Amino acid sequence: EADARVYLIQGNEKSSNRYEKADHLSYTTVTKYTLQDLSILDSYGLKITRNEIFARHGRMFDDQELQDYFNSKSWYRGTIRPEDFSESMLSETEKANIETIKKYE
């Protein structure tokens, strides 16, 4: 069985992003984070992880750093303007993860 914990791995020196995501972060939609899972992340990692939940639903970002980060991901298809995005698109697990990350931040 695959490890369902959340990870960010340090990016390589050639990357313009501070972190590169490991492939198994796709569990963000089905696994509820714990504070222990989040303890490995710094403030930047928490910001990216929280916003990835929105990005996976096609939300675009007013924050240019976030938009550039997600634009660099092959899976990202930003089609929903921030003002048009509704949290009703999120699963209960995703909503719980966002709240947990906000508490940790």
N, C-alpha and C. Protein backbone atom coordinates (compact mmCIF):
# COMPACT_ATOMS: atom_id res chain seq x y z
N GLU A 1 0.85 -1.18 0.00
CA GLU A 1 0.00 0.00 0.00
C GLU A 1 0.89 1.24 0.00
N ALA A 2 0.49 2.22 -0.78
CA ALA A 2 1.29 3.44 -0.91
C ALA A 2 1.22 4.26 0.37
N ASP A 3 2.30 4.94 0.65
CA ASP A 3 2.38 5.84 1.78
C ASP A 3 1.53 7.07 1.48
N ALA A 4 0.55 7.36 2.29
CA ALA A 4 -0.39 8.45 2.01
C ALA A 4 -0.04 9.75 2.72
N ARG A 5 1.13 9.84 3.33
CA ARG A 5 1.50 11.08 4.00
C ARG A 5 1.85 12.16 2.99
N VAL A 6 1.89 13.38 3.45
CA VAL A 6 2.17 14.54 2.61
C VAL A 6 3.66 14.84 2.64
N TYR A 7 4.22 15.12 1.49
CA TYR A 7 5.64 15.47 1.43
C TYR A 7 5.89 16.60 0.46
N LEU A 8 6.82 17.44 0.80
CA LEU A 8 7.45 18.33 -0.16
C LEU A 8 8.91 17.96 -0.12
N ILE A 9 9.54 17.90 -1.26
CA ILE A 9 10.96 17.59 -1.29
C ILE A 9 11.72 18.83 -1.76
N GLN A 10 12.90 18.98 -1.24
CA GLN A 10 13.72 20.13 -1.60
C GLN A 10 13.98 20.15 -3.10
N GLY A 11 13.81 21.32 -3.70
CA GLY A 11 14.05 21.45 -5.13
C GLY A 11 15.53 21.41 -5.47
N ASN A 12 15.82 21.18 -6.75
CA ASN A 12 17.22 21.18 -7.15
C ASN A 12 17.67 22.61 -7.43
N GLU A 13 18.95 22.82 -7.55
CA GLU A 13 19.49 24.16 -7.69
C GLU A 13 19.09 24.83 -9.00
N LYS A 14 18.72 24.05 -10.00
CA LYS A 14 18.34 24.61 -11.29
C LYS A 14 16.88 25.06 -11.32
N SER A 15 16.13 24.71 -10.31
CA SER A 15 14.71 25.02 -10.26
C SER A 15 14.50 26.47 -9.84
N SER A 16 13.53 27.14 -10.46
CA SER A 16 13.19 28.49 -10.04
C SER A 16 12.28 28.46 -8.82
N ASN A 17 11.72 27.29 -8.52
CA ASN A 17 10.86 27.15 -7.35
C ASN A 17 11.68 26.67 -6.17
N ARG A 18 11.29 27.12 -4.99
CA ARG A 18 12.01 26.74 -3.79
C ARG A 18 11.81 25.26 -3.47
N TYR A 19 10.64 24.71 -3.84
CA TYR A 19 10.36 23.30 -3.60
C TYR A 19 9.85 22.63 -4.88
N GLU A 20 10.14 21.38 -4.99
CA GLU A 20 9.56 20.55 -6.04
C GLU A 20 8.64 19.57 -5.33
N LYS A 21 7.52 19.27 -5.90
CA LYS A 21 6.58 18.36 -5.24
C LYS A 21 6.85 16.92 -5.65
N ALA A 22 6.74 16.05 -4.69
CA ALA A 22 6.83 14.62 -4.97
C ALA A 22 5.51 14.18 -5.61
N ASP A 23 5.55 13.17 -6.46
CA ASP A 23 4.36 12.71 -7.17
C ASP A 23 3.22 12.30 -6.24
N HIS A 24 3.54 11.77 -5.10
CA HIS A 24 2.48 11.25 -4.23
C HIS A 24 1.71 12.33 -3.47
N LEU A 25 1.89 13.60 -3.81
CA LEU A 25 1.06 14.64 -3.21
C LEU A 25 -0.36 14.63 -3.76
N SER A 26 -0.64 13.79 -4.73
CA SER A 26 -2.00 13.68 -5.24
C SER A 26 -2.95 13.19 -4.16
N TYR A 27 -2.43 12.68 -3.06
CA TYR A 27 -3.27 12.25 -1.94
C TYR A 27 -3.93 13.42 -1.23
N THR A 28 -3.63 14.64 -1.62
CA THR A 28 -4.21 15.81 -0.96
C THR A 28 -5.73 15.81 -1.00
N THR A 29 -6.32 15.09 -1.93
CA THR A 29 -7.78 15.09 -2.05
C THR A 29 -8.45 13.99 -1.24
N VAL A 30 -7.69 13.01 -0.78
CA VAL A 30 -8.30 11.85 -0.13
C VAL A 30 -7.77 11.55 1.27
N THR A 31 -6.69 12.18 1.67
CA THR A 31 -6.08 11.91 2.98
C THR A 31 -6.16 13.16 3.83
N LYS A 32 -6.69 13.03 5.03
CA LYS A 32 -6.73 14.19 5.94
C LYS A 32 -5.36 14.36 6.58
N TYR A 33 -4.85 15.59 6.49
CA TYR A 33 -3.56 15.91 7.08
C TYR A 33 -3.66 15.93 8.59
N THR A 34 -2.55 15.64 9.22
CA THR A 34 -2.43 15.84 10.66
C THR A 34 -1.41 16.95 10.87
N LEU A 35 -1.39 17.50 12.07
CA LEU A 35 -0.38 18.52 12.37
C LEU A 35 1.02 17.93 12.26
N GLN A 36 1.16 16.66 12.55
CA GLN A 36 2.46 16.00 12.41
C GLN A 36 2.89 15.96 10.94
N ASP A 37 1.96 15.66 10.03
CA ASP A 37 2.29 15.68 8.60
C ASP A 37 2.79 17.05 8.18
N LEU A 38 2.14 18.08 8.69
CA LEU A 38 2.46 19.45 8.29
C LEU A 38 3.73 19.97 8.94
N SER A 39 4.19 19.33 9.99
CA SER A 39 5.34 19.83 10.75
C SER A 39 6.63 19.82 9.93
N ILE A 40 6.67 19.10 8.82
CA ILE A 40 7.88 19.07 7.99
C ILE A 40 7.95 20.26 7.05
N LEU A 41 6.89 21.07 6.99
CA LEU A 41 6.83 22.17 6.03
C LEU A 41 7.14 23.51 6.68
N ASP A 42 7.81 24.37 5.94
CA ASP A 42 7.98 25.74 6.41
C ASP A 42 6.79 26.56 5.90
N SER A 43 6.79 27.86 6.12
CA SER A 43 5.63 28.68 5.75
C SER A 43 5.38 28.65 4.24
N TYR A 44 6.43 28.61 3.44
CA TYR A 44 6.26 28.54 1.98
C TYR A 44 5.63 27.20 1.60
N GLY A 45 6.11 26.12 2.17
CA GLY A 45 5.55 24.80 1.88
C GLY A 45 4.09 24.70 2.28
N LEU A 46 3.72 25.30 3.41
CA LEU A 46 2.33 25.31 3.84
C LEU A 46 1.46 26.08 2.85
N LYS A 47 1.96 27.22 2.39
CA LYS A 47 1.22 28.04 1.43
C LYS A 47 0.99 27.28 0.13
N ILE A 48 2.03 26.63 -0.37
CA ILE A 48 1.90 25.87 -1.62
C ILE A 48 0.95 24.70 -1.43
N THR A 49 1.09 23.98 -0.33
CA THR A 49 0.25 22.81 -0.09
C THR A 49 -1.22 23.21 0.03
N ARG A 50 -1.50 24.28 0.77
CA ARG A 50 -2.89 24.74 0.92
C ARG A 50 -3.47 25.15 -0.42
N ASN A 51 -2.71 25.89 -1.19
CA ASN A 51 -3.22 26.39 -2.46
C ASN A 51 -3.26 25.33 -3.56
N GLU A 52 -2.49 24.26 -3.40
CA GLU A 52 -2.57 23.18 -4.37
C GLU A 52 -3.97 22.57 -4.40
N ILE A 53 -4.63 22.55 -3.25
CA ILE A 53 -5.99 22.02 -3.19
C ILE A 53 -6.90 22.81 -4.14
N PHE A 54 -6.77 24.12 -4.13
CA PHE A 54 -7.56 24.95 -5.04
C PHE A 54 -7.10 24.78 -6.49
N ALA A 55 -5.79 24.72 -6.68
CA ALA A 55 -5.23 24.59 -8.03
C ALA A 55 -5.72 23.32 -8.72
N ARG A 56 -5.85 22.24 -7.97
CA ARG A 56 -6.31 20.98 -8.57
C ARG A 56 -7.75 21.06 -9.08
N HIS A 57 -8.46 22.09 -8.66
CA HIS A 57 -9.83 22.30 -9.15
C HIS A 57 -9.88 23.39 -10.22
N GLY A 58 -8.71 23.85 -10.68
CA GLY A 58 -8.65 24.82 -11.77
C GLY A 58 -8.71 26.27 -11.37
N ARG A 59 -8.57 26.54 -10.06
CA ARG A 59 -8.61 27.93 -9.62
C ARG A 59 -7.35 28.66 -10.06
N MET A 60 -7.52 29.90 -10.52
CA MET A 60 -6.41 30.77 -10.84
C MET A 60 -6.10 31.61 -9.60
N PHE A 61 -4.96 32.31 -9.60
CA PHE A 61 -4.51 33.04 -8.41
C PHE A 61 -4.16 34.48 -8.73
N ASP A 62 -4.53 35.38 -7.81
CA ASP A 62 -4.13 36.79 -7.91
C ASP A 62 -2.66 36.94 -7.55
N ASP A 63 -2.17 36.09 -6.66
CA ASP A 63 -0.77 36.09 -6.23
C ASP A 63 0.08 35.54 -7.38
N GLN A 64 0.91 36.39 -7.97
CA GLN A 64 1.68 35.99 -9.16
C GLN A 64 2.65 34.85 -8.87
N GLU A 65 3.23 34.84 -7.67
CA GLU A 65 4.14 33.75 -7.31
C GLU A 65 3.42 32.40 -7.35
N LEU A 66 2.22 32.36 -6.77
CA LEU A 66 1.43 31.13 -6.80
C LEU A 66 1.04 30.76 -8.22
N GLN A 67 0.59 31.75 -8.99
CA GLN A 67 0.19 31.46 -10.37
C GLN A 67 1.35 30.91 -11.17
N ASP A 68 2.52 31.51 -11.04
CA ASP A 68 3.71 31.03 -11.75
C ASP A 68 4.07 29.61 -11.31
N TYR A 69 3.98 29.36 -10.02
CA TYR A 69 4.31 28.03 -9.50
C TYR A 69 3.39 26.97 -10.12
N PHE A 70 2.09 27.21 -10.06
CA PHE A 70 1.17 26.20 -10.57
C PHE A 70 1.19 26.13 -12.10
N ASN A 71 1.44 27.24 -12.77
CA ASN A 71 1.57 27.20 -14.23
C ASN A 71 2.71 26.27 -14.66
N SER A 72 3.70 26.10 -13.79
CA SER A 72 4.85 25.26 -14.14
C SER A 72 4.55 23.76 -13.97
N LYS A 73 3.38 23.43 -13.45
CA LYS A 73 3.01 22.02 -13.21
C LYS A 73 2.22 21.48 -14.39
N SER A 74 2.61 20.33 -14.87
CA SER A 74 1.96 19.75 -16.06
C SER A 74 0.49 19.42 -15.83
N TRP A 75 0.09 19.16 -14.60
CA TRP A 75 -1.29 18.79 -14.31
C TRP A 75 -2.22 19.99 -14.16
N TYR A 76 -1.66 21.17 -14.00
CA TYR A 76 -2.48 22.35 -13.69
C TYR A 76 -3.15 22.93 -14.92
N ARG A 77 -4.47 23.16 -14.79
CA ARG A 77 -5.25 23.82 -15.83
C ARG A 77 -6.08 24.91 -15.17
N GLY A 78 -5.50 26.10 -15.05
CA GLY A 78 -6.19 27.21 -14.41
C GLY A 78 -7.24 27.79 -15.33
N THR A 79 -8.51 27.61 -14.98
CA THR A 79 -9.61 28.10 -15.82
C THR A 79 -10.63 28.91 -15.04
N ILE A 80 -10.54 28.92 -13.70
CA ILE A 80 -11.55 29.60 -12.89
C ILE A 80 -10.93 30.80 -12.19
N ARG A 81 -11.45 31.98 -12.49
CA ARG A 81 -10.95 33.19 -11.84
C ARG A 81 -11.20 33.12 -10.34
N PRO A 82 -10.33 33.72 -9.54
CA PRO A 82 -10.49 33.66 -8.08
C PRO A 82 -11.88 34.08 -7.61
N GLU A 83 -12.41 35.14 -8.21
CA GLU A 83 -13.72 35.63 -7.77
C GLU A 83 -14.88 34.71 -8.17
N ASP A 84 -14.62 33.79 -9.11
CA ASP A 84 -15.66 32.85 -9.56
C ASP A 84 -15.55 31.49 -8.89
N PHE A 85 -14.49 31.29 -8.13
CA PHE A 85 -14.28 29.99 -7.49
C PHE A 85 -15.18 29.84 -6.27
N SER A 86 -15.79 28.68 -6.13
CA SER A 86 -16.65 28.41 -4.98
C SER A 86 -16.09 27.23 -4.20
N GLU A 87 -16.01 27.40 -2.89
CA GLU A 87 -15.51 26.31 -2.05
C GLU A 87 -16.44 25.11 -2.06
N SER A 88 -17.64 25.27 -2.63
CA SER A 88 -18.55 24.13 -2.74
C SER A 88 -17.99 23.08 -3.70
N MET A 89 -16.99 23.45 -4.49
CA MET A 89 -16.32 22.51 -5.40
C MET A 89 -15.42 21.53 -4.64
N LEU A 90 -15.10 21.86 -3.40
CA LEU A 90 -14.16 21.07 -2.62
C LEU A 90 -14.87 19.95 -1.87
N SER A 91 -14.14 18.85 -1.68
CA SER A 91 -14.66 17.74 -0.88
C SER A 91 -14.52 18.10 0.60
N GLU A 92 -15.19 17.33 1.45
CA GLU A 92 -15.08 17.55 2.89
C GLU A 92 -13.64 17.34 3.36
N THR A 93 -12.95 16.38 2.77
CA THR A 93 -11.54 16.13 3.12
C THR A 93 -10.68 17.34 2.76
N GLU A 94 -10.90 17.89 1.58
CA GLU A 94 -10.13 19.06 1.16
C GLU A 94 -10.40 20.26 2.08
N LYS A 95 -11.66 20.47 2.43
CA LYS A 95 -12.01 21.56 3.33
C LYS A 95 -11.34 21.37 4.70
N ALA A 96 -11.35 20.14 5.19
CA ALA A 96 -10.71 19.85 6.48
C ALA A 96 -9.20 20.11 6.39
N ASN A 97 -8.58 19.72 5.28
CA ASN A 97 -7.14 19.95 5.11
C ASN A 97 -6.82 21.44 5.08
N ILE A 98 -7.64 22.22 4.42
CA ILE A 98 -7.40 23.66 4.37
C ILE A 98 -7.48 24.25 5.78
N GLU A 99 -8.47 23.84 6.54
CA GLU A 99 -8.61 24.34 7.92
C GLU A 99 -7.43 23.92 8.78
N THR A 100 -6.98 22.69 8.63
CA THR A 100 -5.83 22.20 9.41
C THR A 100 -4.58 23.00 9.06
N ILE A 101 -4.37 23.23 7.78
CA ILE A 101 -3.19 23.99 7.35
C ILE A 101 -3.28 25.42 7.88
N LYS A 102 -4.45 26.04 7.80
CA LYS A 102 -4.62 27.42 8.31
C LYS A 102 -4.30 27.48 9.80
N LYS A 103 -4.75 26.48 10.55
CA LYS A 103 -4.45 26.44 11.99
C LYS A 103 -2.94 26.35 12.22
N TYR A 104 -2.29 25.52 11.42
CA TYR A 104 -0.85 25.32 11.58
C TYR A 104 -0.08 26.59 11.18
N GLU A 105 -0.56 27.26 10.14
CA GLU A 105 0.10 28.49 9.68
C GLU A 105 0.05 29.56 10.77
